[in-house]
């Protein structure tokens, strides 16, 4: 997972409430063998393209200044709907690293941290002020600083935000949940060693299993549960 420390980019304002995961990406590309890295061209597909397949010039990500925006300014309840992790994959594949909104769908919010996308909750008034400046100065660059916990607009406006310590650390270090767990490998190994002494039958067929006796060529059967 790519670490997120400090991001400086133009921002794309899309202040539409209740953008659900189906609008972010339809389910068809996720089940048709499209590689995760190529999902970006399907992100916001129904908004980005006309029926004839050409780009809609009114959609913010089709406009020259924000075509490669890495920051998305969104409306309330962004990412609501189905528990579709592909919505986060599609945003990342399109180049978005941070979504700033007044609120998020709960599952989408959690999926962001598992994939290295930073969701920032700000008051609606702050999001609208940042979006208004992005519209009037579309080439202006915004800063999202996770290490120090603030968003700064090119107009000098700075707004603080909070992320739980565990999630902040994981993003700063680029650790997904498995990598976070493996940071405690020594403690895990120590626990397993101690637990194997207390309950050896639990590990009979696992990584800490007893060696197969040479005389039988078979592992012994685990003990029967007491009746």
C-alpha atoms as a PDB file:
ATOM      1  CA  UNK A   1       0.000   0.000   0.000  1.00  0.00           C
ATOM      2  CA  UNK A   2       1.427   3.406  -0.946  1.00  0.00           C
ATOM      3  CA  UNK A   3       2.102   5.539   2.153  1.00  0.00           C
ATOM      4  CA  UNK A   4       0.068   8.719   2.509  1.00  0.00           C
ATOM      5  CA  UNK A   5       1.939  11.539   4.251  1.00  0.00           C
ATOM      6  CA  UNK A   6       1.342  14.802   2.425  1.00  0.00           C
ATOM      7  CA  UNK A   7      -0.527  15.344  -0.816  1.00  0.00           C
ATOM      8  CA  UNK A   8      -0.461  18.472  -2.963  1.00  0.00           C
ATOM      9  CA  UNK A   9      -2.799  18.538  -5.939  1.00  0.00           C
ATOM     10  CA  UNK A  10      -5.584  20.369  -7.692  1.00  0.00           C
ATOM     11  CA  UNK A  11      -9.001  19.428  -6.358  1.00  0.00           C
ATOM     12  CA  UNK A  12     -12.101  18.317  -8.244  1.00  0.00           C
ATOM     13  CA  UNK A  13     -15.367  19.627  -6.738  1.00  0.00           C
ATOM     14  CA  UNK A  14     -18.298  17.222  -7.036  1.00  0.00           C
ATOM     15  CA  UNK A  15     -20.650  18.411  -4.305  1.00  0.00           C
ATOM     16  CA  UNK A  16     -23.473  16.008  -4.953  1.00  0.00           C
ATOM     17  CA  UNK A  17     -24.961  14.264  -1.917  1.00  0.00           C
ATOM     18  CA  UNK A  18     -25.512  10.503  -1.691  1.00  0.00           C
ATOM     19  CA  UNK A  19     -23.106   9.411  -4.433  1.00  0.00           C
ATOM     20  CA  UNK A  20     -23.293   5.661  -3.972  1.00  0.00           C
ATOM     21  CA  UNK A  21     -20.799   2.957  -4.824  1.00  0.00           C
ATOM     22  CA  UNK A  22     -22.780   1.959  -7.914  1.00  0.00           C
ATOM     23  CA  UNK A  23     -22.372   5.465  -9.315  1.00  0.00           C
ATOM     24  CA  UNK A  24     -18.647   5.380  -8.509  1.00  0.00           C
ATOM     25  CA  UNK A  25     -18.302   2.110 -10.418  1.00  0.00           C
ATOM     26  CA  UNK A  26     -20.872  -0.246 -11.871  1.00  0.00           C
ATOM     27  CA  UNK A  27     -20.649  -3.875 -10.931  1.00  0.00           C
ATOM     28  CA  UNK A  28     -20.014  -5.174 -14.474  1.00  0.00           C
ATOM     29  CA  UNK A  29     -16.304  -4.176 -14.736  1.00  0.00           C
ATOM     30  CA  UNK A  30     -15.625  -5.816 -11.388  1.00  0.00           C
ATOM     31  CA  UNK A  31     -16.859  -9.191 -12.627  1.00  0.00           C
ATOM     32  CA  UNK A  32     -15.590  -9.095 -16.189  1.00  0.00           C
ATOM     33  CA  UNK A  33     -11.903  -9.636 -15.544  1.00  0.00           C
ATOM     34  CA  UNK A  34     -10.792  -5.989 -15.721  1.00  0.00           C
ATOM     35  CA  UNK A  35      -7.468  -5.664 -13.826  1.00  0.00           C
ATOM     36  CA  UNK A  36      -7.695  -3.500 -10.730  1.00  0.00           C
ATOM     37  CA  UNK A  37      -5.178  -1.039 -12.166  1.00  0.00           C
ATOM     38  CA  UNK A  38      -7.462  -0.452 -15.179  1.00  0.00           C
ATOM     39  CA  UNK A  39     -10.642   0.278 -13.244  1.00  0.00           C
ATOM     40  CA  UNK A  40     -10.021   4.022 -13.389  1.00  0.00           C
ATOM     41  CA  UNK A  41     -11.555   4.358 -16.852  1.00  0.00           C
ATOM     42  CA  UNK A  42     -14.821   2.986 -15.448  1.00  0.00           C
ATOM     43  CA  UNK A  43     -14.898   5.309 -12.437  1.00  0.00           C
ATOM     44  CA  UNK A  44     -17.971   7.600 -12.576  1.00  0.00           C
ATOM     45  CA  UNK A  45     -18.672   6.034 -15.962  1.00  0.00           C
ATOM     46  CA  UNK A  46     -22.308   7.133 -16.152  1.00  0.00           C
ATOM     47  CA  UNK A  47     -21.331  10.725 -15.348  1.00  0.00           C
ATOM     48  CA  UNK A  48     -18.146  10.956 -17.422  1.00  0.00           C
ATOM     49  CA  UNK A  49     -19.479   9.666 -20.737  1.00  0.00           C
ATOM     50  CA  UNK A  50     -22.445  10.396 -22.961  1.00  0.00           C
ATOM     51  CA  UNK A  51     -24.520   7.594 -24.437  1.00  0.00           C
ATOM     52  CA  UNK A  52     -22.380   7.631 -27.595  1.00  0.00           C
ATOM     53  CA  UNK A  53     -19.254   6.997 -25.492  1.00  0.00           C
ATOM     54  CA  UNK A  54     -17.780  10.488 -25.819  1.00  0.00           C
ATOM     55  CA  UNK A  55     -16.744  12.465 -22.762  1.00  0.00           C
ATOM     56  CA  UNK A  56     -19.209  14.872 -21.212  1.00  0.00           C
ATOM     57  CA  UNK A  57     -17.255  18.172 -20.994  1.00  0.00           C
ATOM     58  CA  UNK A  58     -19.421  19.338 -18.084  1.00  0.00           C
ATOM     59  CA  UNK A  59     -18.204  16.565 -15.791  1.00  0.00           C
ATOM     60  CA  UNK A  60     -15.466  17.862 -13.517  1.00  0.00           C
ATOM     61  CA  UNK A  61     -12.917  15.108 -14.213  1.00  0.00           C
ATOM     62  CA  UNK A  62     -13.214  15.771 -17.950  1.00  0.00           C
ATOM     63  CA  UNK A  63     -12.211  19.409 -17.572  1.00  0.00           C
ATOM     64  CA  UNK A  64      -8.543  20.176 -18.329  1.00  0.00           C
ATOM     65  CA  UNK A  65      -7.655  21.685 -14.957  1.00  0.00           C
ATOM     66  CA  UNK A  66      -9.001  18.802 -12.864  1.00  0.00           C
ATOM     67  CA  UNK A  67      -8.573  15.837 -15.206  1.00  0.00           C
ATOM     68  CA  UNK A  68      -5.695  14.550 -13.076  1.00  0.00           C
ATOM     69  CA  UNK A  69      -6.949  15.773  -9.704  1.00  0.00           C
ATOM     70  CA  UNK A  70      -5.868  13.607  -6.787  1.00  0.00           C
ATOM     71  CA  UNK A  71      -8.261  15.295  -4.344  1.00  0.00           C
ATOM     72  CA  UNK A  72     -12.031  14.956  -4.648  1.00  0.00           C
ATOM     73  CA  UNK A  73     -14.336  17.371  -2.833  1.00  0.00           C
ATOM     74  CA  UNK A  74     -17.641  15.563  -2.396  1.00  0.00           C
ATOM     75  CA  UNK A  75     -21.097  15.938  -0.914  1.00  0.00           C
ATOM     76  CA  UNK A  76     -22.574  14.277   2.152  1.00  0.00           C
ATOM     77  CA  UNK A  77     -22.885  10.495   2.494  1.00  0.00           C
ATOM     78  CA  UNK A  78     -20.284   9.826  -0.185  1.00  0.00           C
ATOM     79  CA  UNK A  79     -19.814   6.126  -0.926  1.00  0.00           C
ATOM     80  CA  UNK A  80     -23.160   5.004   0.470  1.00  0.00           C
ATOM     81  CA  UNK A  81     -24.960   1.953  -0.913  1.00  0.00           C
ATOM     82  CA  UNK A  82     -23.495  -1.497  -1.387  1.00  0.00           C
ATOM     83  CA  UNK A  83     -20.331  -2.731   0.326  1.00  0.00           C
ATOM     84  CA  UNK A  84     -18.344  -2.531  -2.909  1.00  0.00           C
ATOM     85  CA  UNK A  85     -14.611  -2.291  -2.244  1.00  0.00           C
ATOM     86  CA  UNK A  86     -14.176  -1.868  -5.990  1.00  0.00           C
ATOM     87  CA  UNK A  87     -15.400   1.716  -5.565  1.00  0.00           C
ATOM     88  CA  UNK A  88     -12.201   2.516  -3.675  1.00  0.00           C
ATOM     89  CA  UNK A  89     -10.096   0.601  -6.222  1.00  0.00           C
ATOM     90  CA  UNK A  90     -11.657   2.592  -9.073  1.00  0.00           C
ATOM     91  CA  UNK A  91     -10.989   5.949  -7.424  1.00  0.00           C
ATOM     92  CA  UNK A  92      -7.382   5.002  -6.759  1.00  0.00           C
ATOM     93  CA  UNK A  93      -6.951   3.738 -10.314  1.00  0.00           C
ATOM     94  CA  UNK A  94      -8.264   7.067 -11.586  1.00  0.00           C
ATOM     95  CA  UNK A  95      -5.615   8.815  -9.469  1.00  0.00           C
ATOM     96  CA  UNK A  96      -7.675  10.009  -6.497  1.00  0.00           C
ATOM     97  CA  UNK A  97      -5.797   9.667  -3.188  1.00  0.00           C
ATOM     98  CA  UNK A  98      -8.061  11.719  -0.927  1.00  0.00           C
ATOM     99  CA  UNK A  99     -11.812  12.351  -0.720  1.00  0.00           C
ATOM    100  CA  UNK A 100     -13.015  15.260   1.428  1.00  0.00           C
ATOM    101  CA  UNK A 101     -16.697  15.232   2.360  1.00  0.00           C
ATOM    102  CA  UNK A 102     -19.043  16.089   5.251  1.00  0.00           C
ATOM    103  CA  UNK A 103     -19.818  12.370   5.734  1.00  0.00           C
ATOM    104  CA  UNK A 104     -19.259   8.948   4.181  1.00  0.00           C
ATOM    105  CA  UNK A 105     -20.986   5.612   3.879  1.00  0.00           C
ATOM    106  CA  UNK A 106     -19.624   3.547   6.766  1.00  0.00           C
ATOM    107  CA  UNK A 107     -18.356   0.559   4.764  1.00  0.00           C
ATOM    108  CA  UNK A 108     -16.807   2.761   2.075  1.00  0.00           C
ATOM    109  CA  UNK A 109     -15.073   4.789   4.803  1.00  0.00           C
ATOM    110  CA  UNK A 110     -13.533   1.629   6.277  1.00  0.00           C
ATOM    111  CA  UNK A 111     -12.549   0.276   2.845  1.00  0.00           C
ATOM    112  CA  UNK A 112     -10.606   3.467   2.149  1.00  0.00           C
ATOM    113  CA  UNK A 113      -8.145   2.793   4.965  1.00  0.00           C
ATOM    114  CA  UNK A 114      -7.613  -0.783   3.827  1.00  0.00           C
ATOM    115  CA  UNK A 115      -6.458   0.432   0.408  1.00  0.00           C
ATOM    116  CA  UNK A 116      -4.539   3.647   1.061  1.00  0.00           C
ATOM    117  CA  UNK A 117      -7.185   6.222   0.151  1.00  0.00           C
ATOM    118  CA  UNK A 118      -7.630   8.974   2.767  1.00  0.00           C
ATOM    119  CA  UNK A 119     -11.238   9.966   3.588  1.00  0.00           C
ATOM    120  CA  UNK A 120     -11.393  13.329   5.374  1.00  0.00           C
ATOM    121  CA  UNK A 121     -14.515  14.476   7.188  1.00  0.00           C
ATOM    122  CA  UNK A 122     -14.959  18.247   7.302  1.00  0.00           C
ATOM    123  CA  UNK A 123     -17.953  20.427   8.110  1.00  0.00           C
ATOM    124  CA  UNK A 124     -20.125  21.081   5.076  1.00  0.00           C
ATOM    125  CA  UNK A 125     -19.335  24.805   5.206  1.00  0.00           C
ATOM    126  CA  UNK A 126     -15.607  24.069   5.007  1.00  0.00           C
ATOM    127  CA  UNK A 127     -16.047  21.659   2.092  1.00  0.00           C
ATOM    128  CA  UNK A 128     -18.202  24.170   0.237  1.00  0.00           C
ATOM    129  CA  UNK A 129     -15.659  26.950   0.805  1.00  0.00           C
ATOM    130  CA  UNK A 130     -12.826  24.753  -0.524  1.00  0.00           C
ATOM    131  CA  UNK A 131     -14.982  23.724  -3.491  1.00  0.00           C
ATOM    132  CA  UNK A 132     -15.887  27.317  -4.328  1.00  0.00           C
ATOM    133  CA  UNK A 133     -12.220  28.276  -4.439  1.00  0.00           C
ATOM    134  CA  UNK A 134     -11.478  25.198  -6.582  1.00  0.00           C
ATOM    135  CA  UNK A 135     -14.143  26.340  -9.051  1.00  0.00           C
ATOM    136  CA  UNK A 136     -12.918  29.933  -9.249  1.00  0.00           C
ATOM    137  CA  UNK A 137      -9.242  28.949  -9.392  1.00  0.00           C
ATOM    138  CA  UNK A 138      -9.278  25.440 -10.894  1.00  0.00           C
ATOM    139  CA  UNK A 139      -5.506  25.295 -11.369  1.00  0.00           C
ATOM    140  CA  UNK A 140      -4.827  26.169  -7.718  1.00  0.00           C
ATOM    141  CA  UNK A 141      -3.280  23.376  -5.668  1.00  0.00           C
ATOM    142  CA  UNK A 142      -4.572  22.190  -2.322  1.00  0.00           C
ATOM    143  CA  UNK A 143      -2.561  20.472   0.394  1.00  0.00           C
ATOM    144  CA  UNK A 144      -3.723  17.537   2.512  1.00  0.00           C
ATOM    145  CA  UNK A 145      -1.229  16.903   5.297  1.00  0.00           C
ATOM    146  CA  UNK A 146      -1.952  13.712   7.210  1.00  0.00           C
ATOM    147  CA  UNK A 147       1.139  13.963   9.374  1.00  0.00           C
ATOM    148  CA  UNK A 148      -0.022  17.281  10.840  1.00  0.00           C
ATOM    149  CA  UNK A 149      -3.768  16.794  10.294  1.00  0.00           C
ATOM    150  CA  UNK A 150      -4.863  19.701   8.135  1.00  0.00           C
ATOM    151  CA  UNK A 151      -6.218  20.652   4.722  1.00  0.00           C
ATOM    152  CA  UNK A 152      -4.963  23.903   3.224  1.00  0.00           C
ATOM    153  CA  UNK A 153      -6.466  25.674   0.235  1.00  0.00           C
ATOM    154  CA  UNK A 154      -4.422  27.786  -2.137  1.00  0.00           C
ATOM    155  CA  UNK A 155      -6.211  30.847  -0.713  1.00  0.00           C
ATOM    156  CA  UNK A 156      -4.524  30.238   2.648  1.00  0.00           C
ATOM    157  CA  UNK A 157      -7.584  28.695   4.290  1.00  0.00           C
ATOM    158  CA  UNK A 158      -6.507  25.883   6.632  1.00  0.00           C
ATOM    159  CA  UNK A 159      -8.828  23.391   8.307  1.00  0.00           C
ATOM    160  CA  UNK A 160      -7.825  20.675  10.747  1.00  0.00           C
ATOM    161  CA  UNK A 161      -9.159  17.126  10.695  1.00  0.00           C
ATOM    162  CA  UNK A 162      -8.860  14.061  12.897  1.00  0.00           C
ATOM    163  CA  UNK A 163      -8.123  10.428  12.074  1.00  0.00           C
ATOM    164  CA  UNK A 164      -7.820   7.665  14.666  1.00  0.00           C
ATOM    165  CA  UNK A 165      -4.219   7.059  15.719  1.00  0.00           C
ATOM    166  CA  UNK A 166      -4.174   3.467  14.448  1.00  0.00           C
ATOM    167  CA  UNK A 167      -5.512   4.372  11.001  1.00  0.00           C
ATOM    168  CA  UNK A 168      -3.282   7.423  10.748  1.00  0.00           C
ATOM    169  CA  UNK A 169      -0.201   5.317  11.512  1.00  0.00           C
ATOM    170  CA  UNK A 170      -1.216   2.680   8.971  1.00  0.00           C
ATOM    171  CA  UNK A 171      -1.640   5.256   6.191  1.00  0.00           C
ATOM    172  CA  UNK A 172       1.584   7.066   7.046  1.00  0.00           C
ATOM    173  CA  UNK A 173       3.493   3.772   6.900  1.00  0.00           C
ATOM    174  CA  UNK A 174       1.534   2.301   3.976  1.00  0.00           C
ATOM    175  CA  UNK A 175       0.306  -0.730   5.912  1.00  0.00           C
ATOM    176  CA  UNK A 176      -2.793  -2.719   5.034  1.00  0.00           C
ATOM    177  CA  UNK A 177      -4.507  -4.744   7.833  1.00  0.00           C
ATOM    178  CA  UNK A 178      -2.332  -7.821   7.219  1.00  0.00           C
ATOM    179  CA  UNK A 179       0.864  -5.766   7.333  1.00  0.00           C
ATOM    180  CA  UNK A 180      -0.339  -4.106  10.542  1.00  0.00           C
ATOM    181  CA  UNK A 181      -0.834  -7.535  12.095  1.00  0.00           C
ATOM    182  CA  UNK A 182       2.603  -8.726  10.982  1.00  0.00           C
ATOM    183  CA  UNK A 183       4.209  -5.849  12.867  1.00  0.00           C
ATOM    184  CA  UNK A 184       3.397  -7.940  15.952  1.00  0.00           C
ATOM    185  CA  UNK A 185       4.893 -11.156  14.540  1.00  0.00           C
ATOM    186  CA  UNK A 186       7.226 -11.650  17.517  1.00  0.00           C
ATOM    187  CA  UNK A 187       4.315 -11.436  19.980  1.00  0.00           C
ATOM    188  CA  UNK A 188       2.236 -13.764  17.815  1.00  0.00           C
ATOM    189  CA  UNK A 189       5.044 -16.323  17.687  1.00  0.00           C
ATOM    190  CA  UNK A 190       5.586 -16.088  21.446  1.00  0.00           C
ATOM    191  CA  UNK A 191       1.884 -16.589  22.114  1.00  0.00           C
ATOM    192  CA  UNK A 192       1.764 -19.629  19.840  1.00  0.00           C
ATOM    193  CA  UNK A 193       4.772 -21.184  21.527  1.00  0.00           C
ATOM    194  CA  UNK A 194       3.259 -20.702  24.966  1.00  0.00           C
ATOM    195  CA  UNK A 195      -0.177 -21.827  23.851  1.00  0.00           C
ATOM    196  CA  UNK A 196       1.268 -24.937  22.186  1.00  0.00           C
ATOM    197  CA  UNK A 197       2.647 -25.961  25.585  1.00  0.00           C
ATOM    198  CA  UNK A 198      -0.742 -25.480  27.228  1.00  0.00           C
ATOM    199  CA  UNK A 199      -2.863 -27.018  24.452  1.00  0.00           C
ATOM    200  CA  UNK A 200      -0.631 -29.123  22.177  1.00  0.00           C
ATOM    201  CA  UNK A 201      -3.593 -30.854  20.494  1.00  0.00           C
ATOM    202  CA  UNK A 202      -4.708 -27.526  18.965  1.00  0.00           C
ATOM    203  CA  UNK A 203      -1.489 -27.387  16.923  1.00  0.00           C
ATOM    204  CA  UNK A 204      -1.311 -31.081  16.007  1.00  0.00           C
ATOM    205  CA  UNK A 205      -1.989 -30.361  12.314  1.00  0.00           C
ATOM    206  CA  UNK A 206      -0.818 -26.748  12.039  1.00  0.00           C
ATOM    207  CA  UNK A 207       2.421 -24.866  11.576  1.00  0.00           C
ATOM    208  CA  UNK A 208       3.616 -25.893  15.042  1.00  0.00           C
ATOM    209  CA  UNK A 209       2.545 -29.507  14.627  1.00  0.00           C
ATOM    210  CA  UNK A 210       4.524 -32.338  16.121  1.00  0.00           C
ATOM    211  CA  UNK A 211       6.729 -34.142  13.599  1.00  0.00           C
ATOM    212  CA  UNK A 212       5.242 -37.250  12.004  1.00  0.00           C
ATOM    213  CA  UNK A 213       6.527 -40.316  13.858  1.00  0.00           C
ATOM    214  CA  UNK A 214       8.902 -42.248  11.584  1.00  0.00           C
ATOM    215  CA  UNK A 215       7.648 -45.619  12.800  1.00  0.00           C
ATOM    216  CA  UNK A 216       4.040 -45.026  11.707  1.00  0.00           C
ATOM    217  CA  UNK A 217       4.324 -42.430   8.938  1.00  0.00           C
ATOM    218  CA  UNK A 218       1.096 -40.879  10.248  1.00  0.00           C
ATOM    219  CA  UNK A 219       0.244 -38.110  12.618  1.00  0.00           C
ATOM    220  CA  UNK A 220      -1.548 -39.187  15.768  1.00  0.00           C
ATOM    221  CA  UNK A 221      -5.248 -38.433  15.924  1.00  0.00           C
ATOM    222  CA  UNK A 222      -6.279 -35.482  18.079  1.00  0.00           C
ATOM    223  CA  UNK A 223      -7.815 -36.386  21.457  1.00  0.00           C
ATOM    224  CA  UNK A 224     -11.553 -36.802  21.639  1.00  0.00           C
ATOM    225  CA  UNK A 225     -13.597 -34.048  23.149  1.00  0.00           C
ATOM    226  CA  UNK A 226     -14.590 -34.820  26.744  1.00  0.00           C
ATOM    227  CA  UNK A 227     -18.229 -35.853  27.103  1.00  0.00           C
END
